[in-house]
Protein backbone atom coordinates (compact mmCIF):
# COMPACT_ATOMS: atom_id res chain seq x y z
CA UNK A 1 -0.35 28.90 12.98
CA UNK A 2 0.99 26.84 15.92
CA UNK A 3 1.15 29.21 18.94
CA UNK A 4 1.66 26.33 21.38
CA UNK A 5 4.45 24.68 19.42
CA UNK A 6 7.29 26.07 21.52
CA UNK A 7 5.92 24.79 24.83
CA UNK A 8 5.04 21.43 23.27
CA UNK A 9 8.57 21.02 21.92
CA UNK A 10 10.03 21.88 25.32
CA UNK A 11 7.80 19.28 26.98
CA UNK A 12 8.83 16.63 24.46
CA UNK A 13 12.51 17.34 24.94
CA UNK A 14 12.10 17.27 28.72
CA UNK A 15 10.59 13.80 28.36
CA UNK A 16 13.63 12.62 26.40
CA UNK A 17 12.25 12.92 22.88
CA UNK A 18 14.35 14.17 19.98
CA UNK A 19 12.58 16.85 17.94
CA UNK A 20 13.62 17.37 14.32
CA UNK A 21 12.29 19.92 11.84
CA UNK A 22 12.23 20.05 8.07
CA UNK A 23 12.05 16.27 7.64
CA UNK A 24 10.95 15.12 4.19
CA UNK A 25 8.60 12.19 4.76
CA UNK A 26 9.31 10.86 1.26
CA UNK A 27 13.08 10.57 1.91
CA UNK A 28 13.31 9.20 5.44
CA UNK A 29 16.44 7.21 4.67
CA UNK A 30 18.39 10.44 4.24
CA UNK A 31 17.93 11.21 7.95
CA UNK A 32 19.20 7.94 9.45
CA UNK A 33 22.14 9.62 11.16
CA UNK A 34 19.92 12.39 12.55
CA UNK A 35 17.33 9.90 13.79
CA UNK A 36 19.97 7.94 15.66
CA UNK A 37 17.89 4.76 15.53
CA UNK A 38 20.15 2.28 13.76
CA UNK A 39 17.94 -0.77 14.25
CA UNK A 40 14.87 0.97 12.81
CA UNK A 41 11.75 2.47 14.32
CA UNK A 42 9.12 0.33 16.04
CA UNK A 43 6.50 2.90 15.01
CA UNK A 44 6.35 5.55 12.31
CA UNK A 45 3.31 7.80 12.75
CA UNK A 46 2.02 10.18 10.06
CA UNK A 47 -1.09 12.01 11.26
CA UNK A 48 -3.27 13.50 8.51
CA UNK A 49 -0.70 13.77 5.70
CA UNK A 50 -1.47 16.39 3.10
CA UNK A 51 0.16 17.58 -0.10
CA UNK A 52 -0.02 21.34 0.37
CA UNK A 53 1.86 22.74 -2.63
CA UNK A 54 0.00 25.67 -4.12
CA UNK A 55 -1.40 27.01 -0.87
CA UNK A 56 -5.12 27.59 -1.23
CA UNK A 57 -5.26 25.94 -4.64
CA UNK A 58 -7.35 22.79 -4.62
CA UNK A 59 -4.82 20.02 -5.20
CA UNK A 60 -5.47 16.98 -7.32
CA UNK A 61 -6.07 13.82 -5.34
CA UNK A 62 -3.27 12.14 -7.30
CA UNK A 63 -0.78 14.40 -5.49
CA UNK A 64 -1.91 13.05 -2.12
CA UNK A 65 -1.57 9.49 -3.40
CA UNK A 66 1.92 10.21 -4.67
CA UNK A 67 2.87 11.61 -1.27
CA UNK A 68 1.63 8.45 0.47
CA UNK A 69 3.27 6.16 -2.09
CA UNK A 70 6.67 7.81 -1.70
CA UNK A 71 6.25 7.90 2.08
CA UNK A 72 5.65 4.15 2.28
CA UNK A 73 8.62 3.52 0.01
CA UNK A 74 10.88 5.62 2.20
CA UNK A 75 9.70 3.85 5.37
CA UNK A 76 11.33 0.62 4.21
CA UNK A 77 14.81 1.90 5.05
CA UNK A 78 14.03 3.11 8.59
CA UNK A 79 11.38 0.66 9.87
CA UNK A 80 12.34 -2.19 12.21
CA UNK A 81 11.64 -5.72 10.86
CA UNK A 82 8.44 -6.02 12.89
CA UNK A 83 7.70 -2.31 13.08
CA UNK A 84 4.44 -0.63 12.18
CA UNK A 85 3.38 2.46 10.25
CA UNK A 86 0.39 4.39 11.59
CA UNK A 87 -1.32 6.73 9.13
CA UNK A 88 -4.29 8.80 10.32
CA UNK A 89 -6.69 9.98 7.61
CA UNK A 90 -9.95 11.89 7.68
CA UNK A 91 -13.21 10.00 7.46
CA UNK A 92 -13.66 8.48 4.01
CA UNK A 93 -10.20 9.40 2.72
CA UNK A 94 -8.51 6.00 3.02
CA UNK A 95 -10.78 4.04 0.72
CA UNK A 96 -10.52 0.81 2.73
CA UNK A 97 -13.50 -1.39 3.70
CA UNK A 98 -13.16 0.03 7.23
CA UNK A 99 -14.33 3.49 6.14
CA UNK A 100 -17.82 4.23 7.41
CA UNK A 101 -18.12 7.18 5.04
CA UNK A 102 -18.19 5.49 1.65
CA UNK A 103 -16.86 7.28 -1.41
CA UNK A 104 -16.18 6.16 -4.95
CA UNK A 105 -12.74 4.56 -5.06
CA UNK A 106 -11.53 7.26 -7.42
CA UNK A 107 -12.43 9.90 -4.83
CA UNK A 108 -10.28 8.38 -2.09
CA UNK A 109 -6.56 8.43 -1.40
CA UNK A 110 -6.41 4.64 -1.91
CA UNK A 111 -4.08 4.20 1.05
CA UNK A 112 -3.76 0.40 0.71
CA UNK A 113 -2.62 0.48 -2.94
CA UNK A 114 -0.24 3.31 -1.99
CA UNK A 115 1.24 1.10 0.75
CA UNK A 116 1.94 -1.58 -1.85
CA UNK A 117 4.87 0.53 -3.05
CA UNK A 118 6.58 -0.24 0.26
CA UNK A 119 5.31 -3.85 0.37
CA UNK A 120 3.21 -3.03 3.43
CA UNK A 121 -0.08 -4.71 4.34
CA UNK A 122 -2.97 -3.18 6.28
CA UNK A 123 -2.95 -4.97 9.64
CA UNK A 124 -5.74 -3.07 11.33
CA UNK A 125 -7.83 0.10 11.34
CA UNK A 126 -8.76 1.89 14.58
CA UNK A 127 -10.53 5.13 15.41
CA UNK A 128 -8.45 8.28 15.74
CA UNK A 129 -8.78 9.21 19.46
CA UNK A 130 -9.99 12.74 18.80
CA UNK A 131 -11.95 13.16 22.06
CA UNK A 132 -9.11 11.91 24.25
CA UNK A 133 -6.53 14.06 22.49
CA UNK A 134 -8.80 17.11 22.65
CA UNK A 135 -8.79 16.83 26.43
CA UNK A 136 -5.00 17.05 26.25
CA UNK A 137 -5.19 20.22 24.16
CA UNK A 138 -5.10 18.78 20.65
CA UNK A 139 -6.81 20.64 17.85
CA UNK A 140 -6.22 20.45 14.13
CA UNK A 141 -5.00 23.38 12.05
CA UNK A 142 -3.70 23.75 8.54
CA UNK A 143 -6.84 23.71 6.45
CA UNK A 144 -5.75 25.45 3.23
CA UNK A 145 -2.50 26.35 5.04
CA UNK A 146 -4.41 28.53 7.49
CA UNK A 147 -5.08 28.49 11.22
CA UNK A 148 -8.32 26.65 10.54
CA UNK A 149 -9.39 23.19 11.65
CA UNK A 150 -10.19 20.30 9.36
CA UNK A 151 -12.54 17.41 10.16
CA UNK A 152 -10.33 15.05 12.15
CA UNK A 153 -13.32 13.83 14.17
CA UNK A 154 -14.25 10.39 12.90
CA UNK A 155 -10.79 9.92 11.44
CA UNK A 156 -9.21 6.49 11.19
CA UNK A 157 -5.71 5.27 11.96
CA UNK A 158 -4.50 2.77 9.35
CA UNK A 159 -1.92 0.40 10.82
CA UNK A 160 0.51 -1.14 8.33
CA UNK A 161 3.32 -3.63 8.66
CA UNK A 162 5.80 -5.29 6.30
CA UNK A 163 4.74 -8.32 4.31
CA UNK A 164 5.80 -11.54 6.05
CA UNK A 165 4.02 -14.44 4.34
CA UNK A 166 5.38 -17.22 6.55
CA UNK A 167 5.55 -15.64 10.02
CA UNK A 168 3.73 -12.30 10.00
CA UNK A 169 0.21 -11.28 10.91
CA UNK A 170 -2.18 -11.35 7.93
CA UNK A 171 -3.87 -8.25 6.61
CA UNK A 172 -7.25 -7.32 8.04
CA UNK A 173 -8.80 -7.39 4.57
CA UNK A 174 -7.88 -9.59 1.63
CA UNK A 175 -6.64 -7.78 -1.46
CA UNK A 176 -7.44 -8.99 -4.97
CA UNK A 177 -6.00 -8.25 -8.40
CA UNK A 178 -6.98 -9.40 -11.88
CA UNK A 179 -5.04 -9.97 -15.06
CA UNK A 180 -5.68 -11.52 -18.46
CA UNK A 181 -2.99 -13.98 -19.54
CA UNK A 182 -2.96 -15.17 -23.17
CA UNK A 183 -0.62 -17.87 -24.44
CA UNK A 184 -0.12 -20.34 -27.27
CA UNK A 185 -0.85 -23.74 -25.79
CA UNK A 186 2.17 -26.02 -25.41
CA UNK A 187 2.45 -29.80 -25.30
CA UNK A 188 2.72 -29.67 -21.51
CA UNK A 189 -0.51 -27.74 -21.07
CA UNK A 190 -3.27 -28.79 -18.74
CA UNK A 191 -5.38 -26.70 -16.42
CA UNK A 192 -3.65 -28.32 -13.45
CA UNK A 193 -0.21 -27.61 -14.93
CA UNK A 194 -1.16 -23.96 -15.43
CA UNK A 195 -2.43 -23.68 -11.85
CA UNK A 196 0.73 -25.29 -10.44
CA UNK A 197 2.98 -22.99 -12.48
CA UNK A 198 1.18 -19.89 -11.23
CA UNK A 199 1.25 -21.09 -7.62
CA UNK A 200 4.98 -21.89 -7.84
CA UNK A 201 5.71 -18.32 -8.89
CA UNK A 202 3.39 -16.61 -6.40
CA UNK A 203 4.15 -18.88 -3.46
CA UNK A 204 2.03 -19.56 -0.37
CA UNK A 205 -0.62 -17.15 0.83
CA UNK A 206 -2.00 -16.31 -2.62
CA UNK A 207 -5.26 -17.85 -3.84
CA UNK A 208 -5.56 -18.11 -7.61
CA UNK A 209 -8.80 -18.43 -9.59
CA UNK A 210 -8.70 -19.19 -13.33
CA UNK A 211 -11.53 -18.61 -15.79
CA UNK A 212 -11.14 -19.43 -19.48
CA UNK A 213 -12.03 -16.22 -21.27
CA UNK A 214 -11.32 -16.97 -24.94
CA UNK A 215 -9.97 -19.65 -27.28
CA UNK A 216 -8.52 -19.03 -30.73
CA UNK A 217 -7.11 -21.51 -33.25
CA UNK A 218 -4.72 -20.34 -35.97
CA UNK A 219 -5.15 -22.55 -39.04
CA UNK A 220 -1.96 -21.20 -40.61
CA UNK A 221 0.31 -22.28 -37.76
CA UNK A 222 -1.99 -24.97 -36.33
CA UNK A 223 -1.64 -23.44 -32.88
CA UNK A 224 -4.29 -22.76 -30.26
CA UNK A 225 -4.30 -19.65 -28.11
CA UNK A 226 -5.96 -19.57 -24.69
CA UNK A 227 -6.86 -16.45 -22.74
CA UNK A 228 -7.52 -16.79 -19.02
CA UNK A 229 -8.98 -14.27 -16.63
CA UNK A 230 -6.81 -14.69 -13.53
CA UNK A 231 -7.74 -13.43 -10.07
CA UNK A 232 -5.11 -13.28 -7.32
CA UNK A 233 -6.24 -12.84 -3.72
CA UNK A 234 -4.05 -12.55 -0.64
CA UNK A 235 -3.92 -11.40 2.97
CA UNK A 236 -0.13 -11.67 3.22
CA UNK A 237 0.88 -9.71 0.11
CA UNK A 238 0.04 -6.26 -1.22
CA UNK A 239 1.10 -6.11 -4.86
CA UNK A 240 1.71 -2.82 -6.61
CA UNK A 241 0.84 -2.62 -10.29
CA UNK A 242 4.50 -2.70 -11.31
CA UNK A 243 5.28 -5.61 -9.02
CA UNK A 244 2.35 -7.61 -10.37
CA UNK A 245 3.49 -6.86 -13.92
CA UNK A 246 6.94 -8.18 -13.00
CA UNK A 247 5.34 -11.32 -11.55
CA UNK A 248 3.37 -11.89 -14.75
CA UNK A 249 6.67 -11.67 -16.65
CA UNK A 250 8.13 -14.39 -14.41
CA UNK A 251 4.99 -16.46 -14.96
CA UNK A 252 5.53 -16.19 -18.72
CA UNK A 253 9.06 -17.54 -18.32
CA UNK A 254 7.79 -20.38 -16.12
CA UNK A 255 5.13 -21.41 -18.63
CA UNK A 256 7.71 -21.49 -21.41
CA UNK A 257 10.17 -23.62 -19.41
CA UNK A 258 7.43 -26.13 -18.53
CA UNK A 259 6.12 -26.11 -22.12
CA UNK A 260 2.71 -25.13 -20.79
CA UNK A 261 2.58 -22.29 -23.27
CA UNK A 262 4.21 -19.24 -24.84
CA UNK A 263 2.68 -16.03 -23.54
CA UNK A 264 1.51 -13.65 -26.24
CA UNK A 265 2.71 -10.06 -25.93
């Protein structure tokens, strides 16, 4: 499938590069000794990742997302503090606002939510230099595990970096998440108190919008329940679903301590 691999490897070694084979991109930390880069990589590049189990069988898109999610998680242990991760994807695969080929979100690899698993934000998106690389002899192979090209023309390189709310570069696009939070109103409740409690937990760099969704009064206990639709938006954080759930749990504890309210399960 790769007839020019031997000469390419020789050229890389002659230039001082270390060439390793059989590296599992979802367990990069296991290769620290082999990598020999103790301070972490400045760049980790993954061009056109693909979950290829099953050969010619059409794989579910969830498998590709899992591959990316586990890759970003594994990058945490081998990336330098200000390092970057470059992931090239075919046109329309990434699902970010930078894609010129628009697909339904469910039909994309959702690369930004996948990167949330490693607490990485999307710093920039640039064109994959297909024409320039072609002049150097690059051509894609591996379509359905065969010596056949896939459409790398028009591909995009997604550049990620670690979250750094106070000193780092913000994400190119803001991310937003929504949650409903219901609680029994406490004596310390006010809309301002609720807003302050949420901001204290989430910290700087997160904008919070509150909309009262529902009110319920229990005559038996003489308590009032409030349900808010909460929108979080940030360019310095990329929250995974689990991480946001954990944050909501901390918010519940904060509201109880301040007597703003007792969150309903």
